[in-house]
């Protein structure tokens, strides 16, 4: 739930809750009990799903039961709600390399993707890199239009790792793609940064222009792969895909071309592809973006809210038709965030350029309108979190902001130290911020700023934290930790 919101005939139903709901319904049918369940295989994460009051009375007890029995699952980057909320309580507040660590799994390869988990399995992606020769790197970089520190590889092998949730043992290491002469990437980025998705016994792993793969998590067979769509990322892939029904939807915002596309999850074929229609900056580096879409329901219609360079868009997830577009009026590019939404507004960051956090009011409107803009300490890489009418976010330099969702006015801006790429998580009224220095800062999710604890692990943290009912899972550059019981 999105904090305190007016009561209305709509319900937030996450992808994991519906998956669990279906499992519970199947069990009920085996016991010859009739229940009403959604007909669609999977609903969009963190969307509004509108049911008549009678269906509410039938469905909601089942959803509560299903959510309780699967409270510890984390099927996508930002959790069951797709907005950084963990259904967990009693998580540890203090730990170190030598205390309150249930297990530590050393990870092969290099990657920044956030782990996902369902049942006994935790999945994440990693990359095995083979550097290009100095001569080859120099030759290939002649066409580079930017000035960032880059990694140039001769080849990269992209893998999925499966870790046992109880023991931390690596159960499976599966090559998904092998790419010769891959595009260069920013040294801060990795070749396995987009986070995978778990749904219906499948792992969907998206690697931008390098390809997209569906893997059966039981048989470990690759069901399909698609390597057809290409853009020049400039800094490597960073956009995570989102699942809606039988469509896997992903951004492709390069310096050369910009579009959004959907893969048919049954076949892997491109179901639709829609070019960005907004005006682009003449400079190639200012056209690119690394954002992730969010599916919400606006006026009864599911929509893909998609932030890109200079514009934020909405698309029909079934067809890819553009529904509306808002030019946010200031230069913005290279965002690596995903929007968040409540039942009134959508919130997103414009990232580099003239950075700002913007709220779009959509309730009761055919086309959303800018409700407010806050130009101070806007995040470029870390997505925000909503809680009880408050919007929390951290900028790259470690300044945490808490703003009123109605007005955009800040209750506080406080420095917690460090540099940040990972998005925060909220659990049990506490916010968890993970820095590139390996420090996890825990603060209370309230108008009053208070640091509850700061804990350090060995190695930078680029992936976002995840949690189950009683434990925290954090990926550093070299290891995956289970913290707690």
Protein backbone atom coordinates (compact mmCIF):
# COMPACT_ATOMS: atom_id res chain seq x y z
CA UNK A 1 0.00 0.00 0.00
CA UNK A 2 1.13 3.52 -0.70
CA UNK A 3 0.85 4.92 2.81
CA UNK A 4 -2.24 6.88 3.83
CA UNK A 5 -4.49 7.46 0.83
CA UNK A 6 -8.23 8.09 0.56
CA UNK A 7 -10.36 4.96 0.51
CA UNK A 8 -11.58 4.18 -2.99
CA UNK A 9 -12.73 1.25 -5.12
CA UNK A 10 -9.26 0.33 -6.29
CA UNK A 11 -6.55 -1.94 -4.97
CA UNK A 12 -2.78 -2.03 -5.44
CA UNK A 13 -2.01 -5.57 -6.59
CA UNK A 14 1.64 -6.40 -7.19
CA UNK A 15 2.91 -9.03 -9.59
CA UNK A 16 4.08 -11.27 -6.75
CA UNK A 17 0.76 -11.03 -4.91
CA UNK A 18 -1.16 -12.08 -8.01
CA UNK A 19 1.28 -14.94 -8.69
CA UNK A 20 0.86 -16.07 -5.07
CA UNK A 21 -2.87 -15.48 -5.37
CA UNK A 22 -3.07 -17.88 -8.29
CA UNK A 23 -1.07 -20.50 -6.39
CA UNK A 24 -3.41 -20.21 -3.42
CA UNK A 25 -6.43 -20.41 -5.71
CA UNK A 26 -5.18 -23.62 -7.29
CA UNK A 27 -4.81 -25.14 -3.83
CA UNK A 28 -8.36 -24.11 -2.95
CA UNK A 29 -9.70 -25.69 -6.12
CA UNK A 30 -7.99 -28.94 -5.24
CA UNK A 31 -9.92 -28.81 -1.99
CA UNK A 32 -13.13 -28.28 -4.02
CA UNK A 33 -13.55 -24.68 -2.87
CA UNK A 34 -14.50 -22.06 -5.45
CA UNK A 35 -12.66 -18.73 -5.44
CA UNK A 36 -12.61 -15.79 -7.86
CA UNK A 37 -9.14 -14.91 -9.17
CA UNK A 38 -7.87 -12.52 -11.86
CA UNK A 39 -7.95 -14.01 -15.33
CA UNK A 40 -4.71 -12.43 -16.53
CA UNK A 41 -1.54 -14.45 -16.00
CA UNK A 42 0.25 -11.56 -14.38
CA UNK A 43 -0.76 -8.02 -13.49
CA UNK A 44 1.68 -5.11 -13.74
CA UNK A 45 3.68 -4.51 -10.62
CA UNK A 46 2.40 -1.68 -8.45
CA UNK A 47 -0.62 -0.88 -10.59
CA UNK A 48 -4.17 0.03 -9.70
CA UNK A 49 -6.51 -2.85 -10.48
CA UNK A 50 -10.18 -1.89 -10.39
CA UNK A 51 -12.67 -4.48 -9.12
CA UNK A 52 -16.37 -4.09 -8.32
CA UNK A 53 -17.19 -4.09 -4.58
CA UNK A 54 -18.43 -7.72 -4.65
CA UNK A 55 -15.17 -8.90 -6.20
CA UNK A 56 -13.32 -6.93 -3.51
CA UNK A 57 -15.07 -8.94 -0.81
CA UNK A 58 -14.19 -12.21 -2.49
CA UNK A 59 -10.69 -11.41 -3.72
CA UNK A 60 -9.12 -9.37 -0.92
CA UNK A 61 -9.10 -12.17 1.72
CA UNK A 62 -7.34 -14.37 -0.81
CA UNK A 63 -4.79 -11.65 -1.57
CA UNK A 64 -4.10 -11.16 2.14
CA UNK A 65 -3.64 -14.93 2.58
CA UNK A 66 -1.41 -15.17 -0.48
CA UNK A 67 0.70 -12.15 0.50
CA UNK A 68 1.19 -13.53 4.00
CA UNK A 69 2.31 -16.93 2.74
CA UNK A 70 4.71 -15.42 0.20
CA UNK A 71 5.76 -12.30 2.07
CA UNK A 72 9.44 -12.99 1.48
CA UNK A 73 9.44 -13.12 -2.31
CA UNK A 74 11.10 -10.37 -4.33
CA UNK A 75 10.30 -10.91 -8.03
CA UNK A 76 11.74 -7.74 -9.58
CA UNK A 77 14.19 -4.89 -9.09
CA UNK A 78 12.17 -2.81 -6.61
CA UNK A 79 10.25 -5.60 -4.98
CA UNK A 80 6.66 -6.85 -4.94
CA UNK A 81 5.26 -3.32 -5.29
CA UNK A 82 7.88 -2.27 -7.89
CA UNK A 83 8.39 0.82 -5.73
CA UNK A 84 10.99 -0.23 -3.15
CA UNK A 85 8.64 -1.46 -0.41
CA UNK A 86 9.55 -4.62 1.52
CA UNK A 87 6.96 -6.65 3.41
CA UNK A 88 9.34 -7.28 6.29
CA UNK A 89 9.70 -6.47 9.97
CA UNK A 90 12.34 -7.05 12.58
CA UNK A 91 15.17 -6.62 10.09
CA UNK A 92 18.59 -6.22 11.72
CA UNK A 93 19.81 -2.67 12.29
CA UNK A 94 23.42 -3.48 13.16
CA UNK A 95 25.90 -5.82 11.53
CA UNK A 96 29.46 -6.12 10.30
CA UNK A 97 31.57 -8.59 8.36
CA UNK A 98 31.85 -10.65 11.54
CA UNK A 99 28.42 -10.28 13.15
CA UNK A 100 24.79 -10.94 12.20
CA UNK A 101 25.81 -12.41 8.83
CA UNK A 102 23.83 -15.58 8.13
CA UNK A 103 25.94 -16.32 5.07
CA UNK A 104 28.17 -14.66 2.50
CA UNK A 105 28.36 -16.00 -1.05
CA UNK A 106 31.39 -15.01 -3.10
CA UNK A 107 30.16 -14.16 -6.61
CA UNK A 108 32.05 -14.87 -9.82
CA UNK A 109 32.23 -12.29 -12.58
CA UNK A 110 31.14 -8.68 -12.28
CA UNK A 111 27.65 -7.20 -12.15
CA UNK A 112 25.45 -4.59 -10.52
CA UNK A 113 22.01 -6.13 -11.02
CA UNK A 114 19.74 -6.36 -8.00
CA UNK A 115 18.99 -9.98 -7.00
CA UNK A 116 15.47 -11.37 -7.26
CA UNK A 117 14.08 -14.28 -5.25
CA UNK A 118 11.17 -16.69 -5.16
CA UNK A 119 10.85 -19.68 -2.87
CA UNK A 120 14.22 -21.29 -2.25
CA UNK A 121 15.97 -19.55 -5.15
CA UNK A 122 17.79 -16.23 -5.46
CA UNK A 123 18.77 -15.19 -8.99
CA UNK A 124 21.12 -12.50 -10.24
CA UNK A 125 23.16 -11.79 -13.34
CA UNK A 126 26.89 -11.37 -13.80
CA UNK A 127 29.39 -10.74 -16.59
CA UNK A 128 32.69 -12.45 -17.35
CA UNK A 129 34.81 -9.87 -19.13
CA UNK A 130 37.72 -10.24 -21.53
CA UNK A 131 39.52 -6.96 -22.10
CA UNK A 132 40.30 -5.66 -25.56
CA UNK A 133 43.92 -5.09 -26.48
CA UNK A 134 45.16 -1.50 -26.04
CA UNK A 135 45.41 -1.13 -29.80
CA UNK A 136 41.87 -2.42 -30.36
CA UNK A 137 40.47 -0.23 -27.58
CA UNK A 138 42.10 2.87 -29.05
CA UNK A 139 40.75 2.11 -32.51
CA UNK A 140 37.20 1.53 -31.32
CA UNK A 141 37.11 4.63 -29.13
CA UNK A 142 37.82 6.87 -32.11
CA UNK A 143 34.05 7.04 -32.69
CA UNK A 144 33.24 7.91 -29.07
CA UNK A 145 31.51 11.30 -28.73
CA UNK A 146 31.74 11.55 -24.94
CA UNK A 147 34.43 12.24 -22.36
CA UNK A 148 33.69 9.64 -19.67
CA UNK A 149 36.11 6.94 -18.40
CA UNK A 150 35.23 3.80 -20.34
CA UNK A 151 35.80 0.04 -20.28
CA UNK A 152 36.45 -1.59 -23.66
CA UNK A 153 36.13 -5.38 -23.95
CA UNK A 154 37.07 -7.90 -26.58
CA UNK A 155 34.19 -10.12 -25.47
CA UNK A 156 31.78 -10.61 -22.59
CA UNK A 157 29.92 -13.70 -21.38
CA UNK A 158 26.64 -12.87 -19.64
CA UNK A 159 25.46 -15.35 -17.01
CA UNK A 160 22.59 -16.03 -14.60
CA UNK A 161 23.51 -17.25 -11.12
CA UNK A 162 21.15 -19.12 -8.81
CA UNK A 163 21.91 -19.01 -5.08
CA UNK A 164 20.26 -21.19 -2.43
CA UNK A 165 18.27 -18.92 -0.16
CA UNK A 166 18.96 -20.92 3.00
CA UNK A 167 22.67 -21.67 2.66
CA UNK A 168 24.10 -19.15 0.19
CA UNK A 169 25.47 -21.95 -1.97
CA UNK A 170 25.66 -21.18 -5.68
CA UNK A 171 23.44 -23.81 -7.26
CA UNK A 172 23.62 -22.87 -10.95
CA UNK A 173 25.82 -20.75 -13.21
CA UNK A 174 24.31 -20.53 -16.69
CA UNK A 175 25.65 -18.67 -19.71
CA UNK A 176 22.83 -16.74 -21.38
CA UNK A 177 24.68 -14.71 -24.03
CA UNK A 178 28.19 -14.41 -25.42
CA UNK A 179 28.94 -11.08 -27.07
CA UNK A 180 31.96 -10.39 -29.26
CA UNK A 181 33.31 -6.82 -29.42
CA UNK A 182 30.57 -5.41 -27.15
CA UNK A 183 29.96 -1.69 -26.87
CA UNK A 184 32.14 0.13 -24.41
CA UNK A 185 30.70 0.92 -20.98
CA UNK A 186 31.27 3.55 -18.32
CA UNK A 187 33.79 2.34 -15.75
CA UNK A 188 31.20 2.89 -13.02
CA UNK A 189 28.75 0.65 -14.89
CA UNK A 190 28.89 -3.11 -15.44
CA UNK A 191 27.83 -5.30 -18.34
CA UNK A 192 25.21 -6.94 -16.09
CA UNK A 193 23.49 -3.93 -14.52
CA UNK A 194 19.82 -4.32 -15.56
CA UNK A 195 18.01 -6.44 -12.97
CA UNK A 196 16.19 -9.66 -13.94
CA UNK A 197 12.54 -10.57 -13.30
CA UNK A 198 11.04 -13.77 -11.86
CA UNK A 199 7.53 -14.79 -12.92
CA UNK A 200 5.68 -18.06 -13.45
CA UNK A 201 8.81 -20.19 -13.09
CA UNK A 202 10.81 -18.08 -15.53
CA UNK A 203 13.74 -15.71 -15.25
CA UNK A 204 13.71 -12.83 -17.73
CA UNK A 205 17.17 -11.30 -18.13
CA UNK A 206 17.52 -8.13 -20.19
CA UNK A 207 20.94 -6.79 -21.21
CA UNK A 208 19.97 -3.87 -23.46
CA UNK A 209 21.50 -4.05 -26.93
CA UNK A 210 23.33 -7.25 -26.03
CA UNK A 211 20.08 -9.23 -25.89
CA UNK A 212 17.16 -10.47 -23.82
CA UNK A 213 16.69 -14.05 -22.56
CA UNK A 214 13.95 -16.14 -20.93
CA UNK A 215 15.16 -19.05 -18.76
CA UNK A 216 13.13 -21.86 -17.18
CA UNK A 217 14.18 -21.79 -13.51
CA UNK A 218 13.44 -25.50 -12.98
CA UNK A 219 14.77 -27.16 -16.13
CA UNK A 220 17.44 -24.45 -16.58
CA UNK A 221 16.72 -24.39 -20.32
CA UNK A 222 16.86 -21.17 -22.30
CA UNK A 223 13.31 -20.82 -23.64
CA UNK A 224 14.14 -18.00 -26.03
CA UNK A 225 16.59 -15.22 -26.67
CA UNK A 226 16.30 -12.06 -28.76
CA UNK A 227 19.33 -10.14 -30.02
CA UNK A 228 17.57 -8.04 -32.68
CA UNK A 229 17.26 -4.61 -31.05
CA UNK A 230 20.27 -2.31 -30.91
CA UNK A 231 21.12 1.24 -29.89
CA UNK A 232 24.38 2.91 -28.92
CA UNK A 233 24.17 3.05 -25.12
CA UNK A 234 27.45 5.01 -24.84
CA UNK A 235 27.84 4.05 -21.15
CA UNK A 236 26.61 0.46 -21.36
CA UNK A 237 23.13 -0.96 -20.68
CA UNK A 238 21.28 0.22 -17.59
CA UNK A 239 17.52 -0.01 -18.15
CA UNK A 240 15.63 -2.80 -16.41
CA UNK A 241 12.63 -4.30 -18.24
CA UNK A 242 9.12 -4.52 -16.76
CA UNK A 243 6.59 -7.33 -17.15
CA UNK A 244 2.92 -6.73 -17.99
CA UNK A 245 0.76 -9.70 -18.95
CA UNK A 246 2.52 -11.44 -21.84
CA UNK A 247 4.69 -8.42 -22.68
CA UNK A 248 8.21 -7.73 -21.46
CA UNK A 249 8.67 -3.99 -21.97
CA UNK A 250 12.07 -2.28 -22.20
CA UNK A 251 13.61 1.09 -23.01
CA UNK A 252 16.17 1.52 -25.78
CA UNK A 253 17.32 5.14 -25.46
CA UNK A 254 20.67 5.45 -27.19
CA UNK A 255 22.65 8.34 -28.59
CA UNK A 256 21.78 7.24 -32.13
CA UNK A 257 18.11 6.24 -31.81
CA UNK A 258 15.50 6.11 -29.06
CA UNK A 259 12.50 3.80 -28.76
CA UNK A 260 10.52 1.60 -26.38
CA UNK A 261 9.72 -2.01 -27.27
CA UNK A 262 7.88 -5.06 -25.98
CA UNK A 263 8.83 -8.71 -26.33
CA UNK A 264 6.19 -11.44 -26.49
CA UNK A 265 7.00 -13.56 -23.44
CA UNK A 266 5.77 -16.71 -25.17
CA UNK A 267 8.04 -16.47 -28.21
CA UNK A 268 10.60 -13.75 -27.52
CA UNK A 269 9.63 -11.95 -30.72
CA UNK A 270 9.21 -8.18 -30.78
CA UNK A 271 5.49 -7.55 -30.19
CA UNK A 272 5.72 -3.81 -30.78
CA UNK A 273 8.31 -1.06 -31.13
CA UNK A 274 7.53 2.65 -30.80
CA UNK A 275 10.01 5.45 -31.59
CA UNK A 276 10.26 8.36 -29.15
CA UNK A 277 8.32 11.25 -30.66
CA UNK A 278 9.74 14.09 -28.56
CA UNK A 279 12.25 16.64 -29.79
CA UNK A 280 15.82 15.54 -29.16
CA UNK A 281 18.92 17.55 -28.36
CA UNK A 282 21.27 17.86 -31.37
CA UNK A 283 24.13 16.50 -29.25
CA UNK A 284 24.19 12.67 -29.23
CA UNK A 285 25.24 12.34 -25.58
CA UNK A 286 22.18 14.34 -24.47
CA UNK A 287 19.72 11.97 -26.18
CA UNK A 288 20.49 8.83 -24.22
CA UNK A 289 18.77 7.55 -21.08
CA UNK A 290 18.83 4.49 -18.83
CA UNK A 291 15.44 4.69 -17.13
CA UNK A 292 13.02 1.88 -16.30
CA UNK A 293 9.27 2.04 -17.05
CA UNK A 294 6.47 1.76 -14.50
CA UNK A 295 3.03 0.35 -15.30
CA UNK A 296 0.14 2.12 -13.57
CA UNK A 297 -3.59 2.34 -14.23
CA UNK A 298 -4.83 5.83 -15.07
CA UNK A 299 -8.56 6.41 -15.48
CA UNK A 300 -9.10 2.66 -15.68
CA UNK A 301 -6.48 2.10 -18.38
CA UNK A 302 -3.11 0.38 -17.82
CA UNK A 303 -0.33 2.69 -19.01
CA UNK A 304 3.43 2.40 -19.31
CA UNK A 305 4.91 5.56 -17.79
CA UNK A 306 8.29 6.01 -19.37
CA UNK A 307 10.80 8.77 -18.60
CA UNK A 308 13.40 9.55 -21.26
CA UNK A 309 15.62 12.41 -22.37
CA UNK A 310 13.69 15.73 -22.24
CA UNK A 311 10.27 14.03 -22.09
CA UNK A 312 8.13 11.64 -20.10
CA UNK A 313 5.76 9.43 -22.11
CA UNK A 314 2.82 7.10 -21.64
CA UNK A 315 2.12 4.06 -23.83
CA UNK A 316 -0.54 1.40 -24.15
CA UNK A 317 1.24 -1.76 -22.91
CA UNK A 318 -0.75 -3.97 -25.29
CA UNK A 319 0.00 -2.08 -28.52
CA UNK A 320 2.77 0.41 -27.82
CA UNK A 321 0.58 3.32 -28.91
CA UNK A 322 1.72 6.62 -27.42
CA UNK A 323 -1.05 7.97 -25.17
CA UNK A 324 0.51 11.23 -24.02
CA UNK A 325 3.81 13.03 -23.77
CA UNK A 326 5.02 15.83 -21.52
CA UNK A 327 8.08 17.90 -22.32
CA UNK A 328 9.34 18.75 -18.87
CA UNK A 329 10.88 22.01 -20.00
CA UNK A 330 14.49 21.62 -18.89
CA UNK A 331 17.43 19.67 -20.24
CA UNK A 332 17.40 16.14 -18.84
CA UNK A 333 19.21 12.99 -19.95
CA UNK A 334 20.98 9.82 -18.76
CA UNK A 335 18.47 9.13 -15.97
CA UNK A 336 18.84 5.68 -14.44
CA UNK A 337 15.72 5.79 -12.30
CA UNK A 338 12.17 4.46 -12.37
CA UNK A 339 9.14 6.63 -11.52
CA UNK A 340 6.97 5.96 -8.47
CA UNK A 341 3.25 6.63 -8.16
CA UNK A 342 0.41 6.93 -5.68
CA UNK A 343 -3.31 7.25 -6.40
CA UNK A 344 -2.97 10.92 -7.37
CA UNK A 345 0.44 11.60 -8.89
CA UNK A 346 3.53 10.20 -10.63
CA UNK A 347 7.00 11.24 -9.43
CA UNK A 348 10.23 11.07 -11.44
CA UNK A 349 13.68 12.63 -11.75
CA UNK A 350 15.08 14.31 -14.86
CA UNK A 351 18.63 13.25 -13.90
CA UNK A 352 21.59 14.95 -15.61
CA UNK A 353 21.41 18.41 -17.17
CA UNK A 354 19.10 20.70 -15.21
CA UNK A 355 18.13 18.12 -12.62
CA UNK A 356 14.73 18.19 -10.94
CA UNK A 357 12.20 15.96 -9.25
CA UNK A 358 8.79 16.44 -10.87
CA UNK A 359 5.29 15.43 -9.79
CA UNK A 360 2.64 14.82 -12.47
CA UNK A 361 -0.97 14.95 -11.30
CA UNK A 362 -3.04 12.36 -13.18
CA UNK A 363 -6.12 11.74 -11.02
CA UNK A 364 -9.22 12.91 -12.87
CA UNK A 365 -7.26 14.20 -15.87
CA UNK A 366 -7.08 12.87 -19.42
CA UNK A 367 -3.49 14.06 -19.72
CA UNK A 368 -1.37 14.54 -16.58
CA UNK A 369 -0.18 18.00 -15.62
CA UNK A 370 2.93 19.14 -13.76
CA UNK A 371 1.88 19.60 -10.13
CA UNK A 372 5.24 20.75 -8.81
CA UNK A 373 8.96 20.75 -9.51
CA UNK A 374 11.78 20.62 -6.98
CA UNK A 375 15.20 21.55 -8.35
CA UNK A 376 17.33 20.82 -5.29
CA UNK A 377 19.40 17.65 -4.84
CA UNK A 378 17.53 15.64 -7.47
CA UNK A 379 18.85 12.06 -7.85
CA UNK A 380 20.47 11.04 -11.11
CA UNK A 381 20.76 7.31 -10.46
CA UNK A 382 18.75 6.45 -7.33
CA UNK A 383 14.99 6.02 -7.56
CA UNK A 384 12.73 7.55 -4.89
CA UNK A 385 10.46 5.92 -2.29
CA UNK A 386 6.93 6.94 -1.25
CA UNK A 387 5.63 6.56 2.30
CA UNK A 388 2.65 8.18 4.07
CA UNK A 389 2.48 11.24 1.84
CA UNK A 390 6.25 11.71 1.87
CA UNK A 391 8.73 11.28 -0.98
CA UNK A 392 12.26 10.24 0.02
CA UNK A 393 15.30 10.23 -2.25
CA UNK A 394 19.08 10.48 -2.11
CA UNK A 395 21.26 12.28 -4.63
CA UNK A 396 24.53 10.89 -5.94
CA UNK A 397 26.48 12.86 -3.32
CA UNK A 398 24.68 11.44 -0.29
CA UNK A 399 22.10 14.14 0.54
CA UNK A 400 18.75 12.65 1.58
CA UNK A 401 15.60 14.69 0.92
CA UNK A 402 12.14 14.27 2.40
CA UNK A 403 9.44 16.24 0.58
CA UNK A 404 5.69 16.67 0.85
CA UNK A 405 4.02 14.84 -2.05
CA UNK A 406 1.25 17.47 -2.22
CA UNK A 407 3.45 20.55 -2.50
CA UNK A 408 7.00 19.42 -3.24
CA UNK A 409 8.24 21.40 -0.24
CA UNK A 410 11.12 19.80 1.65
CA UNK A 411 10.81 18.85 5.29
CA UNK A 412 14.56 18.29 5.37
CA UNK A 413 17.72 17.80 3.34
CA UNK A 414 20.47 16.04 5.26
CA UNK A 415 23.84 14.61 4.30
CA UNK A 416 24.44 10.98 5.25
CA UNK A 417 27.83 10.73 3.52
CA UNK A 418 29.14 8.69 0.62
CA UNK A 419 28.24 8.40 -3.04
CA UNK A 420 25.17 6.55 -4.25
CA UNK A 421 23.98 4.49 -7.21
CA UNK A 422 21.67 1.97 -5.48
CA UNK A 423 18.01 2.83 -4.92
CA UNK A 424 16.73 2.84 -1.33
CA UNK A 425 14.34 0.32 0.22
CA UNK A 426 11.72 0.88 2.91
CA UNK A 427 10.71 -1.76 5.47
CA UNK A 428 8.85 -1.44 8.76
CA UNK A 429 9.03 2.37 8.71
CA UNK A 430 12.78 2.46 8.06
CA UNK A 431 14.74 3.47 4.97
CA UNK A 432 17.90 1.63 3.86
CA UNK A 433 20.45 3.55 1.77
CA UNK A 434 23.47 1.66 0.36
CA UNK A 435 26.54 3.59 -0.77
CA UNK A 436 29.37 2.90 -3.18
CA UNK A 437 31.65 2.86 -0.14
CA UNK A 438 29.82 -0.18 1.25
CA UNK A 439 28.03 1.73 4.02
CA UNK A 440 24.34 1.05 4.69
CA UNK A 441 22.62 3.97 6.42
CA UNK A 442 19.26 3.32 8.11
CA UNK A 443 16.98 6.27 8.88
CA UNK A 444 13.41 6.58 10.11
CA UNK A 445 10.83 7.17 7.37
CA UNK A 446 9.31 10.31 8.85
CA UNK A 447 9.34 14.11 8.58
CA UNK A 448 12.01 14.28 11.26
CA UNK A 449 15.48 13.17 10.16
CA UNK A 450 17.11 10.57 12.37
CA UNK A 451 19.93 8.15 11.58
CA UNK A 452 19.24 4.85 13.33
CA UNK A 453 22.42 3.01 12.31
CA UNK A 454 25.29 2.87 9.84
CA UNK A 455 26.95 -0.45 8.96
CA UNK A 456 29.82 -1.27 6.63
CA UNK A 457 30.47 -4.26 4.36
CA UNK A 458 33.59 -5.05 2.34
CA UNK A 459 33.16 -3.60 -1.14
CA UNK A 460 31.08 -1.05 -3.04
CA UNK A 461 27.30 -1.51 -3.19
CA UNK A 462 25.76 -0.73 -6.58
CA UNK A 463 22.74 -3.06 -6.42
CA UNK A 464 19.65 -2.14 -4.42
CA UNK A 465 18.96 -4.01 -1.15
CA UNK A 466 16.15 -6.57 -0.93
CA UNK A 467 14.45 -8.27 2.02
CA UNK A 468 12.29 -11.19 3.02
CA UNK A 469 10.23 -11.46 6.20
CA UNK A 470 13.18 -11.28 8.58
CA UNK A 471 16.43 -10.96 6.64
CA UNK A 472 18.19 -8.44 4.45
CA UNK A 473 20.07 -9.39 1.26
CA UNK A 474 22.78 -7.06 -0.06
CA UNK A 475 24.99 -7.50 -3.11
CA UNK A 476 28.42 -5.87 -3.12
CA UNK A 477 30.84 -5.90 -6.02
CA UNK A 478 32.17 -9.32 -4.97
CA UNK A 479 29.60 -11.05 -2.75
CA UNK A 480 25.96 -11.55 -1.81
CA UNK A 481 25.14 -11.30 1.90
CA UNK A 482 22.22 -12.58 3.92
CA UNK A 483 22.02 -10.40 7.03
CA UNK A 484 19.88 -11.64 9.91
CA UNK A 485 18.43 -15.04 10.70
